[in-house]
mmCIF file of all heavy atoms, coordinates in Angstrom:
data_MODEL
# 
_entry.id   MODEL 
# 
loop_
_atom_site.group_PDB 
_atom_site.id 
_atom_site.type_symbol 
_atom_site.label_atom_id 
_atom_site.label_alt_id 
_atom_site.label_comp_id 
_atom_site.label_asym_id 
_atom_site.label_entity_id 
_atom_site.label_seq_id 
_atom_site.pdbx_PDB_ins_code 
_atom_site.Cartn_x 
_atom_site.Cartn_y 
_atom_site.Cartn_z 
_atom_site.occupancy 
_atom_site.B_iso_or_equiv 
_atom_site.pdbx_formal_charge 
_atom_site.auth_seq_id 
_atom_site.auth_comp_id 
_atom_site.auth_asym_id 
_atom_site.auth_atom_id 
_atom_site.pdbx_PDB_model_num 
ATOM 1   N N   . GLY A 1 1  ? 251.438 256.570 93.595  1.00 0.00 ? 1  GLY A N   1 
ATOM 2   C CA  . GLY A 1 1  ? 250.155 256.225 92.994  1.00 0.00 ? 1  GLY A CA  1 
ATOM 3   C C   . GLY A 1 1  ? 249.035 256.379 93.998  1.00 0.00 ? 1  GLY A C   1 
ATOM 4   O O   . GLY A 1 1  ? 249.254 256.418 95.224  1.00 0.00 ? 1  GLY A O   1 
ATOM 5   N N   . THR A 1 2  ? 247.811 256.468 93.506  1.00 0.00 ? 2  THR A N   1 
ATOM 6   C CA  . THR A 1 2  ? 246.628 256.615 94.331  1.00 0.00 ? 2  THR A CA  1 
ATOM 7   C C   . THR A 1 2  ? 245.605 255.554 93.941  1.00 0.00 ? 2  THR A C   1 
ATOM 8   O O   . THR A 1 2  ? 245.396 255.302 92.744  1.00 0.00 ? 2  THR A O   1 
ATOM 9   C CB  . THR A 1 2  ? 246.000 258.007 94.176  1.00 0.00 ? 2  THR A CB  1 
ATOM 10  O OG1 . THR A 1 2  ? 246.985 258.999 94.472  1.00 0.00 ? 2  THR A OG1 1 
ATOM 11  C CG2 . THR A 1 2  ? 244.819 258.186 95.113  1.00 0.00 ? 2  THR A CG2 1 
ATOM 12  N N   . VAL A 1 3  ? 244.993 254.940 94.936  1.00 0.00 ? 3  VAL A N   1 
ATOM 13  C CA  . VAL A 1 3  ? 244.000 253.900 94.674  1.00 0.00 ? 3  VAL A CA  1 
ATOM 14  C C   . VAL A 1 3  ? 242.906 254.006 95.720  1.00 0.00 ? 3  VAL A C   1 
ATOM 15  O O   . VAL A 1 3  ? 243.126 254.456 96.850  1.00 0.00 ? 3  VAL A O   1 
ATOM 16  C CB  . VAL A 1 3  ? 244.645 252.494 94.706  1.00 0.00 ? 3  VAL A CB  1 
ATOM 17  C CG1 . VAL A 1 3  ? 245.132 252.154 96.115  1.00 0.00 ? 3  VAL A CG1 1 
ATOM 18  C CG2 . VAL A 1 3  ? 243.690 251.431 94.210  1.00 0.00 ? 3  VAL A CG2 1 
ATOM 19  N N   . ASN A 1 4  ? 241.704 253.643 95.323  1.00 0.00 ? 4  ASN A N   1 
ATOM 20  C CA  . ASN A 1 4  ? 240.590 253.599 96.270  1.00 0.00 ? 4  ASN A CA  1 
ATOM 21  C C   . ASN A 1 4  ? 240.853 252.534 97.319  1.00 0.00 ? 4  ASN A C   1 
ATOM 22  O O   . ASN A 1 4  ? 241.278 251.434 97.007  1.00 0.00 ? 4  ASN A O   1 
ATOM 23  C CB  . ASN A 1 4  ? 239.288 253.307 95.511  1.00 0.00 ? 4  ASN A CB  1 
ATOM 24  C CG  . ASN A 1 4  ? 238.064 253.574 96.360  1.00 0.00 ? 4  ASN A CG  1 
ATOM 25  O OD1 . ASN A 1 4  ? 237.928 253.084 97.466  1.00 0.00 ? 4  ASN A OD1 1 
ATOM 26  N ND2 . ASN A 1 4  ? 237.137 254.371 95.818  1.00 0.00 ? 4  ASN A ND2 1 
ATOM 27  N N   . MET A 1 5  ? 240.621 252.864 98.586  1.00 0.00 ? 5  MET A N   1 
ATOM 28  C CA  . MET A 1 5  ? 240.919 251.909 99.650  1.00 0.00 ? 5  MET A CA  1 
ATOM 29  C C   . MET A 1 5  ? 240.020 250.676 99.603  1.00 0.00 ? 5  MET A C   1 
ATOM 30  O O   . MET A 1 5  ? 240.344 249.661 100.236 1.00 0.00 ? 5  MET A O   1 
ATOM 31  C CB  . MET A 1 5  ? 240.768 252.588 101.025 1.00 0.00 ? 5  MET A CB  1 
ATOM 32  C CG  . MET A 1 5  ? 239.346 253.014 101.365 1.00 0.00 ? 5  MET A CG  1 
ATOM 33  S SD  . MET A 1 5  ? 239.218 253.567 103.085 1.00 0.00 ? 5  MET A SD  1 
ATOM 34  C CE  . MET A 1 5  ? 240.440 254.851 103.137 1.00 0.00 ? 5  MET A CE  1 
ATOM 35  N N   . ALA A 1 6  ? 238.929 250.725 98.853  1.00 0.00 ? 6  ALA A N   1 
ATOM 36  C CA  . ALA A 1 6  ? 238.056 249.557 98.726  1.00 0.00 ? 6  ALA A CA  1 
ATOM 37  C C   . ALA A 1 6  ? 238.446 248.670 97.559  1.00 0.00 ? 6  ALA A C   1 
ATOM 38  O O   . ALA A 1 6  ? 237.817 247.634 97.327  1.00 0.00 ? 6  ALA A O   1 
ATOM 39  C CB  . ALA A 1 6  ? 236.606 250.006 98.565  1.00 0.00 ? 6  ALA A CB  1 
ATOM 40  N N   . TYR A 1 7  ? 239.490 249.030 96.821  1.00 0.00 ? 7  TYR A N   1 
ATOM 41  C CA  . TYR A 1 7  ? 239.888 248.245 95.659  1.00 0.00 ? 7  TYR A CA  1 
ATOM 42  C C   . TYR A 1 7  ? 240.558 246.942 96.074  1.00 0.00 ? 7  TYR A C   1 
ATOM 43  O O   . TYR A 1 7  ? 241.433 246.923 96.939  1.00 0.00 ? 7  TYR A O   1 
ATOM 44  C CB  . TYR A 1 7  ? 240.828 249.067 94.780  1.00 0.00 ? 7  TYR A CB  1 
ATOM 45  C CG  . TYR A 1 7  ? 241.412 248.296 93.613  1.00 0.00 ? 7  TYR A CG  1 
ATOM 46  C CD1 . TYR A 1 7  ? 240.613 247.892 92.555  1.00 0.00 ? 7  TYR A CD1 1 
ATOM 47  C CD2 . TYR A 1 7  ? 242.775 247.968 93.594  1.00 0.00 ? 7  TYR A CD2 1 
ATOM 48  C CE1 . TYR A 1 7  ? 241.144 247.180 91.489  1.00 0.00 ? 7  TYR A CE1 1 
ATOM 49  C CE2 . TYR A 1 7  ? 243.311 247.273 92.532  1.00 0.00 ? 7  TYR A CE2 1 
ATOM 50  C CZ  . TYR A 1 7  ? 242.491 246.875 91.487  1.00 0.00 ? 7  TYR A CZ  1 
ATOM 51  O OH  . TYR A 1 7  ? 243.016 246.173 90.450  1.00 0.00 ? 7  TYR A OH  1 
ATOM 52  N N   . ASP A 1 8  ? 240.131 245.851 95.455  1.00 0.00 ? 8  ASP A N   1 
ATOM 53  C CA  . ASP A 1 8  ? 240.721 244.534 95.698  1.00 0.00 ? 8  ASP A CA  1 
ATOM 54  C C   . ASP A 1 8  ? 241.426 244.100 94.419  1.00 0.00 ? 8  ASP A C   1 
ATOM 55  O O   . ASP A 1 8  ? 240.756 243.831 93.410  1.00 0.00 ? 8  ASP A O   1 
ATOM 56  C CB  . ASP A 1 8  ? 239.641 243.527 96.093  1.00 0.00 ? 8  ASP A CB  1 
ATOM 57  C CG  . ASP A 1 8  ? 240.236 242.217 96.595  1.00 0.00 ? 8  ASP A CG  1 
ATOM 58  O OD1 . ASP A 1 8  ? 241.334 241.854 96.142  1.00 0.00 ? 8  ASP A OD1 1 
ATOM 59  O OD2 . ASP A 1 8  ? 239.595 241.555 97.444  1.00 0.00 ? 8  ASP A OD2 1 
ATOM 60  N N   . PRO A 1 9  ? 242.756 244.006 94.408  1.00 0.00 ? 9  PRO A N   1 
ATOM 61  C CA  . PRO A 1 9  ? 243.468 243.663 93.168  1.00 0.00 ? 9  PRO A CA  1 
ATOM 62  C C   . PRO A 1 9  ? 243.120 242.279 92.622  1.00 0.00 ? 9  PRO A C   1 
ATOM 63  O O   . PRO A 1 9  ? 243.145 242.075 91.415  1.00 0.00 ? 9  PRO A O   1 
ATOM 64  C CB  . PRO A 1 9  ? 244.949 243.732 93.579  1.00 0.00 ? 9  PRO A CB  1 
ATOM 65  C CG  . PRO A 1 9  ? 244.971 244.571 94.809  1.00 0.00 ? 9  PRO A CG  1 
ATOM 66  C CD  . PRO A 1 9  ? 243.687 244.321 95.504  1.00 0.00 ? 9  PRO A CD  1 
ATOM 67  N N   . GLU A 1 10 ? 242.771 241.340 93.491  1.00 0.00 ? 10 GLU A N   1 
ATOM 68  C CA  . GLU A 1 10 ? 242.472 239.978 93.044  1.00 0.00 ? 10 GLU A CA  1 
ATOM 69  C C   . GLU A 1 10 ? 241.023 239.797 92.656  1.00 0.00 ? 10 GLU A C   1 
ATOM 70  O O   . GLU A 1 10 ? 240.703 238.979 91.809  1.00 0.00 ? 10 GLU A O   1 
ATOM 71  C CB  . GLU A 1 10 ? 242.850 238.994 94.135  1.00 0.00 ? 10 GLU A CB  1 
ATOM 72  C CG  . GLU A 1 10 ? 244.352 238.964 94.439  1.00 0.00 ? 10 GLU A CG  1 
ATOM 73  C CD  . GLU A 1 10 ? 244.708 237.933 95.482  1.00 0.00 ? 10 GLU A CD  1 
ATOM 74  O OE1 . GLU A 1 10 ? 243.818 237.590 96.318  1.00 0.00 ? 10 GLU A OE1 1 
ATOM 75  O OE2 . GLU A 1 10 ? 245.854 237.454 95.476  1.00 0.00 ? 10 GLU A OE2 1 
ATOM 76  N N   . TYR A 1 11 ? 240.134 240.574 93.269  1.00 0.00 ? 11 TYR A N   1 
ATOM 77  C CA  . TYR A 1 11 ? 238.702 240.488 92.957  1.00 0.00 ? 11 TYR A CA  1 
ATOM 78  C C   . TYR A 1 11 ? 238.165 241.909 92.758  1.00 0.00 ? 11 TYR A C   1 
ATOM 79  O O   . TYR A 1 11 ? 237.617 242.519 93.695  1.00 0.00 ? 11 TYR A O   1 
ATOM 80  C CB  . TYR A 1 11 ? 237.931 239.781 94.076  1.00 0.00 ? 11 TYR A CB  1 
ATOM 81  C CG  . TYR A 1 11 ? 238.443 238.388 94.381  1.00 0.00 ? 11 TYR A CG  1 
ATOM 82  C CD1 . TYR A 1 11 ? 239.328 238.184 95.432  1.00 0.00 ? 11 TYR A CD1 1 
ATOM 83  C CD2 . TYR A 1 11 ? 238.074 237.304 93.592  1.00 0.00 ? 11 TYR A CD2 1 
ATOM 84  C CE1 . TYR A 1 11 ? 239.819 236.912 95.715  1.00 0.00 ? 11 TYR A CE1 1 
ATOM 85  C CE2 . TYR A 1 11 ? 238.558 236.029 93.867  1.00 0.00 ? 11 TYR A CE2 1 
ATOM 86  C CZ  . TYR A 1 11 ? 239.439 235.850 94.928  1.00 0.00 ? 11 TYR A CZ  1 
ATOM 87  O OH  . TYR A 1 11 ? 239.917 234.584 95.191  1.00 0.00 ? 11 TYR A OH  1 
ATOM 88  N N   . PRO A 1 12 ? 238.310 242.465 91.573  1.00 0.00 ? 12 PRO A N   1 
ATOM 89  C CA  . PRO A 1 12 ? 237.914 243.867 91.342  1.00 0.00 ? 12 PRO A CA  1 
ATOM 90  C C   . PRO A 1 12 ? 236.444 244.135 91.588  1.00 0.00 ? 12 PRO A C   1 
ATOM 91  O O   . PRO A 1 12 ? 236.067 245.288 91.857  1.00 0.00 ? 12 PRO A O   1 
ATOM 92  C CB  . PRO A 1 12 ? 238.265 244.078 89.856  1.00 0.00 ? 12 PRO A CB  1 
ATOM 93  C CG  . PRO A 1 12 ? 239.314 243.040 89.559  1.00 0.00 ? 12 PRO A CG  1 
ATOM 94  C CD  . PRO A 1 12 ? 238.950 241.855 90.403  1.00 0.00 ? 12 PRO A CD  1 
ATOM 95  N N   . THR A 1 13 ? 235.580 243.113 91.518  1.00 0.00 ? 13 THR A N   1 
ATOM 96  C CA  . THR A 1 13 ? 234.157 243.347 91.736  1.00 0.00 ? 13 THR A CA  1 
ATOM 97  C C   . THR A 1 13 ? 233.769 243.367 93.209  1.00 0.00 ? 13 THR A C   1 
ATOM 98  O O   . THR A 1 13 ? 232.619 243.671 93.548  1.00 0.00 ? 13 THR A O   1 
ATOM 99  C CB  . THR A 1 13 ? 233.332 242.251 91.028  1.00 0.00 ? 13 THR A CB  1 
ATOM 100 O OG1 . THR A 1 13 ? 233.725 240.964 91.523  1.00 0.00 ? 13 THR A OG1 1 
ATOM 101 C CG2 . THR A 1 13 ? 233.566 242.301 89.527  1.00 0.00 ? 13 THR A CG2 1 
ATOM 102 N N   . ALA A 1 14 ? 234.710 243.011 94.080  1.00 0.00 ? 14 ALA A N   1 
ATOM 103 C CA  . ALA A 1 14 ? 234.407 243.024 95.509  1.00 0.00 ? 14 ALA A CA  1 
ATOM 104 C C   . ALA A 1 14 ? 234.268 244.447 96.015  1.00 0.00 ? 14 ALA A C   1 
ATOM 105 O O   . ALA A 1 14 ? 234.681 245.409 95.367  1.00 0.00 ? 14 ALA A O   1 
ATOM 106 C CB  . ALA A 1 14 ? 235.523 242.302 96.262  1.00 0.00 ? 14 ALA A CB  1 
ATOM 107 N N   . ASN A 1 15 ? 233.637 244.589 97.190  1.00 0.00 ? 15 ASN A N   1 
ATOM 108 C CA  . ASN A 1 15 ? 233.435 245.896 97.831  1.00 0.00 ? 15 ASN A CA  1 
ATOM 109 C C   . ASN A 1 15 ? 232.714 246.865 96.907  1.00 0.00 ? 15 ASN A C   1 
ATOM 110 O O   . ASN A 1 15 ? 233.149 248.010 96.707  1.00 0.00 ? 15 ASN A O   1 
ATOM 111 C CB  . ASN A 1 15 ? 234.793 246.496 98.254  1.00 0.00 ? 15 ASN A CB  1 
ATOM 112 C CG  . ASN A 1 15 ? 235.523 245.613 99.236  1.00 0.00 ? 15 ASN A CG  1 
ATOM 113 O OD1 . ASN A 1 15 ? 234.929 244.917 100.059 1.00 0.00 ? 15 ASN A OD1 1 
ATOM 114 N ND2 . ASN A 1 15 ? 236.850 245.602 99.127  1.00 0.00 ? 15 ASN A ND2 1 
ATOM 115 N N   . ALA A 1 16 ? 231.596 246.402 96.343  1.00 0.00 ? 16 ALA A N   1 
ATOM 116 C CA  . ALA A 1 16 ? 230.783 247.235 95.449  1.00 0.00 ? 16 ALA A CA  1 
ATOM 117 C C   . ALA A 1 16 ? 231.628 247.772 94.301  1.00 0.00 ? 16 ALA A C   1 
ATOM 118 O O   . ALA A 1 16 ? 231.661 248.975 94.034  1.00 0.00 ? 16 ALA A O   1 
ATOM 119 C CB  . ALA A 1 16 ? 230.104 248.364 96.217  1.00 0.00 ? 16 ALA A CB  1 
ATOM 120 N N   . ASN A 1 17 ? 232.316 246.836 93.626  1.00 0.00 ? 17 ASN A N   1 
ATOM 121 C CA  . ASN A 1 17 ? 233.204 247.195 92.508  1.00 0.00 ? 17 ASN A CA  1 
ATOM 122 C C   . ASN A 1 17 ? 234.304 248.163 92.936  1.00 0.00 ? 17 ASN A C   1 
ATOM 123 O O   . ASN A 1 17 ? 234.710 249.054 92.168  1.00 0.00 ? 17 ASN A O   1 
ATOM 124 C CB  . ASN A 1 17 ? 232.395 247.797 91.355  1.00 0.00 ? 17 ASN A CB  1 
ATOM 125 C CG  . ASN A 1 17 ? 231.476 246.760 90.725  1.00 0.00 ? 17 ASN A CG  1 
ATOM 126 O OD1 . ASN A 1 17 ? 231.822 245.585 90.582  1.00 0.00 ? 17 ASN A OD1 1 
ATOM 127 N ND2 . ASN A 1 17 ? 230.270 247.187 90.334  1.00 0.00 ? 17 ASN A ND2 1 
ATOM 128 N N   . GLY A 1 18 ? 234.807 247.959 94.157  1.00 0.00 ? 18 GLY A N   1 
ATOM 129 C CA  . GLY A 1 18 ? 235.924 248.761 94.608  1.00 0.00 ? 18 GLY A CA  1 
ATOM 130 C C   . GLY A 1 18 ? 235.579 250.194 94.947  1.00 0.00 ? 18 GLY A C   1 
ATOM 131 O O   . GLY A 1 18 ? 236.427 251.075 94.794  1.00 0.00 ? 18 GLY A O   1 
ATOM 132 N N   . THR A 1 19 ? 234.368 250.438 95.444  1.00 0.00 ? 19 THR A N   1 
ATOM 133 C CA  . THR A 1 19 ? 233.954 251.823 95.756  1.00 0.00 ? 19 THR A CA  1 
ATOM 134 C C   . THR A 1 19 ? 233.708 252.059 97.242  1.00 0.00 ? 19 THR A C   1 
ATOM 135 O O   . THR A 1 19 ? 233.985 253.145 97.751  1.00 0.00 ? 19 THR A O   1 
ATOM 136 C CB  . THR A 1 19 ? 232.664 252.178 94.992  1.00 0.00 ? 19 THR A CB  1 
ATOM 137 O OG1 . THR A 1 19 ? 231.640 251.232 95.318  1.00 0.00 ? 19 THR A OG1 1 
ATOM 138 C CG2 . THR A 1 19 ? 232.912 252.156 93.498  1.00 0.00 ? 19 THR A CG2 1 
ATOM 139 N N   . ILE A 1 20 ? 233.198 251.047 97.971  1.00 0.00 ? 20 ILE A N   1 
ATOM 140 C CA  . ILE A 1 20 ? 232.878 251.206 99.385  1.00 0.00 ? 20 ILE A CA  1 
ATOM 141 C C   . ILE A 1 20 ? 233.440 250.030 100.165 1.00 0.00 ? 20 ILE A C   1 
ATOM 142 O O   . ILE A 1 20 ? 233.230 248.881 99.794  1.00 0.00 ? 20 ILE A O   1 
ATOM 143 C CB  . ILE A 1 20 ? 231.348 251.297 99.605  1.00 0.00 ? 20 ILE A CB  1 
ATOM 144 C CG1 . ILE A 1 20 ? 230.767 252.505 98.864  1.00 0.00 ? 20 ILE A CG1 1 
ATOM 145 C CG2 . ILE A 1 20 ? 231.023 251.390 101.100 1.00 0.00 ? 20 ILE A CG2 1 
ATOM 146 C CD1 . ILE A 1 20 ? 229.265 252.626 98.982  1.00 0.00 ? 20 ILE A CD1 1 
ATOM 147 N N   . LEU A 1 21 ? 234.145 250.340 101.223 1.00 0.00 ? 21 LEU A N   1 
ATOM 148 C CA  . LEU A 1 21 ? 234.702 249.313 102.103 1.00 0.00 ? 21 LEU A CA  1 
ATOM 149 C C   . LEU A 1 21 ? 233.843 249.224 103.370 1.00 0.00 ? 21 LEU A C   1 
ATOM 150 O O   . LEU A 1 21 ? 233.640 250.234 104.042 1.00 0.00 ? 21 LEU A O   1 
ATOM 151 C CB  . LEU A 1 21 ? 236.145 249.655 102.487 1.00 0.00 ? 21 LEU A CB  1 
ATOM 152 C CG  . LEU A 1 21 ? 236.855 248.667 103.412 1.00 0.00 ? 21 LEU A CG  1 
ATOM 153 C CD1 . LEU A 1 21 ? 237.025 247.321 102.732 1.00 0.00 ? 21 LEU A CD1 1 
ATOM 154 C CD2 . LEU A 1 21 ? 238.210 249.212 103.837 1.00 0.00 ? 21 LEU A CD2 1 
ATOM 155 N N   . GLU A 1 22 ? 233.349 248.036 103.653 1.00 0.00 ? 22 GLU A N   1 
ATOM 156 C CA  . GLU A 1 22 ? 232.491 247.850 104.811 1.00 0.00 ? 22 GLU A CA  1 
ATOM 157 C C   . GLU A 1 22 ? 233.310 247.439 106.031 1.00 0.00 ? 22 GLU A C   1 
ATOM 158 O O   . GLU A 1 22 ? 234.279 246.701 105.915 1.00 0.00 ? 22 GLU A O   1 
ATOM 159 C CB  . GLU A 1 22 ? 231.405 246.807 104.526 1.00 0.00 ? 22 GLU A CB  1 
ATOM 160 C CG  . GLU A 1 22 ? 230.422 247.229 103.444 1.00 0.00 ? 22 GLU A CG  1 
ATOM 161 C CD  . GLU A 1 22 ? 229.312 246.208 103.250 1.00 0.00 ? 22 GLU A CD  1 
ATOM 162 O OE1 . GLU A 1 22 ? 229.412 245.120 103.853 1.00 0.00 ? 22 GLU A OE1 1 
ATOM 163 O OE2 . GLU A 1 22 ? 228.352 246.507 102.512 1.00 0.00 ? 22 GLU A OE2 1 
ATOM 164 N N   . ALA A 1 23 ? 232.854 247.938 107.208 1.00 0.00 ? 23 ALA A N   1 
ATOM 165 C CA  . ALA A 1 23 ? 233.497 247.585 108.464 1.00 0.00 ? 23 ALA A CA  1 
ATOM 166 C C   . ALA A 1 23 ? 232.442 247.645 109.564 1.00 0.00 ? 23 ALA A C   1 
ATOM 167 O O   . ALA A 1 23 ? 231.456 248.371 109.457 1.00 0.00 ? 23 ALA A O   1 
ATOM 168 C CB  . ALA A 1 23 ? 234.660 248.530 108.780 1.00 0.00 ? 23 ALA A CB  1 
ATOM 169 N N   . VAL A 1 24 ? 232.668 246.888 110.625 1.00 0.00 ? 24 VAL A N   1 
ATOM 170 C CA  . VAL A 1 24 ? 231.715 246.796 111.741 1.00 0.00 ? 24 VAL A CA  1 
ATOM 171 C C   . VAL A 1 24 ? 232.281 247.586 112.917 1.00 0.00 ? 24 VAL A C   1 
ATOM 172 O O   . VAL A 1 24 ? 233.449 247.397 113.307 1.00 0.00 ? 24 VAL A O   1 
ATOM 173 C CB  . VAL A 1 24 ? 231.469 245.335 112.146 1.00 0.00 ? 24 VAL A CB  1 
ATOM 174 C CG1 . VAL A 1 24 ? 230.483 245.261 113.316 1.00 0.00 ? 24 VAL A CG1 1 
ATOM 175 C CG2 . VAL A 1 24 ? 230.915 244.547 110.968 1.00 0.00 ? 24 VAL A CG2 1 
ATOM 176 N N   . THR A 1 25 ? 231.479 248.470 113.489 1.00 0.00 ? 25 THR A N   1 
ATOM 177 C CA  . THR A 1 25 ? 231.905 249.287 114.624 1.00 0.00 ? 25 THR A CA  1 
ATOM 178 C C   . THR A 1 25 ? 231.753 248.516 115.923 1.00 0.00 ? 25 THR A C   1 
ATOM 179 O O   . THR A 1 25 ? 231.213 247.411 115.959 1.00 0.00 ? 25 THR A O   1 
ATOM 180 C CB  . THR A 1 25 ? 231.081 250.576 114.685 1.00 0.00 ? 25 THR A CB  1 
ATOM 181 O OG1 . THR A 1 25 ? 229.706 250.237 114.897 1.00 0.00 ? 25 THR A OG1 1 
ATOM 182 C CG2 . THR A 1 25 ? 231.204 251.351 113.385 1.00 0.00 ? 25 THR A CG2 1 
# 
């Protein structure tokens, strides 16, 4: 299977509705 890496199974609305994952450099 394939899934967006920003997808949160418990909170689907997190990470801009599962589209963008934020990280600090």
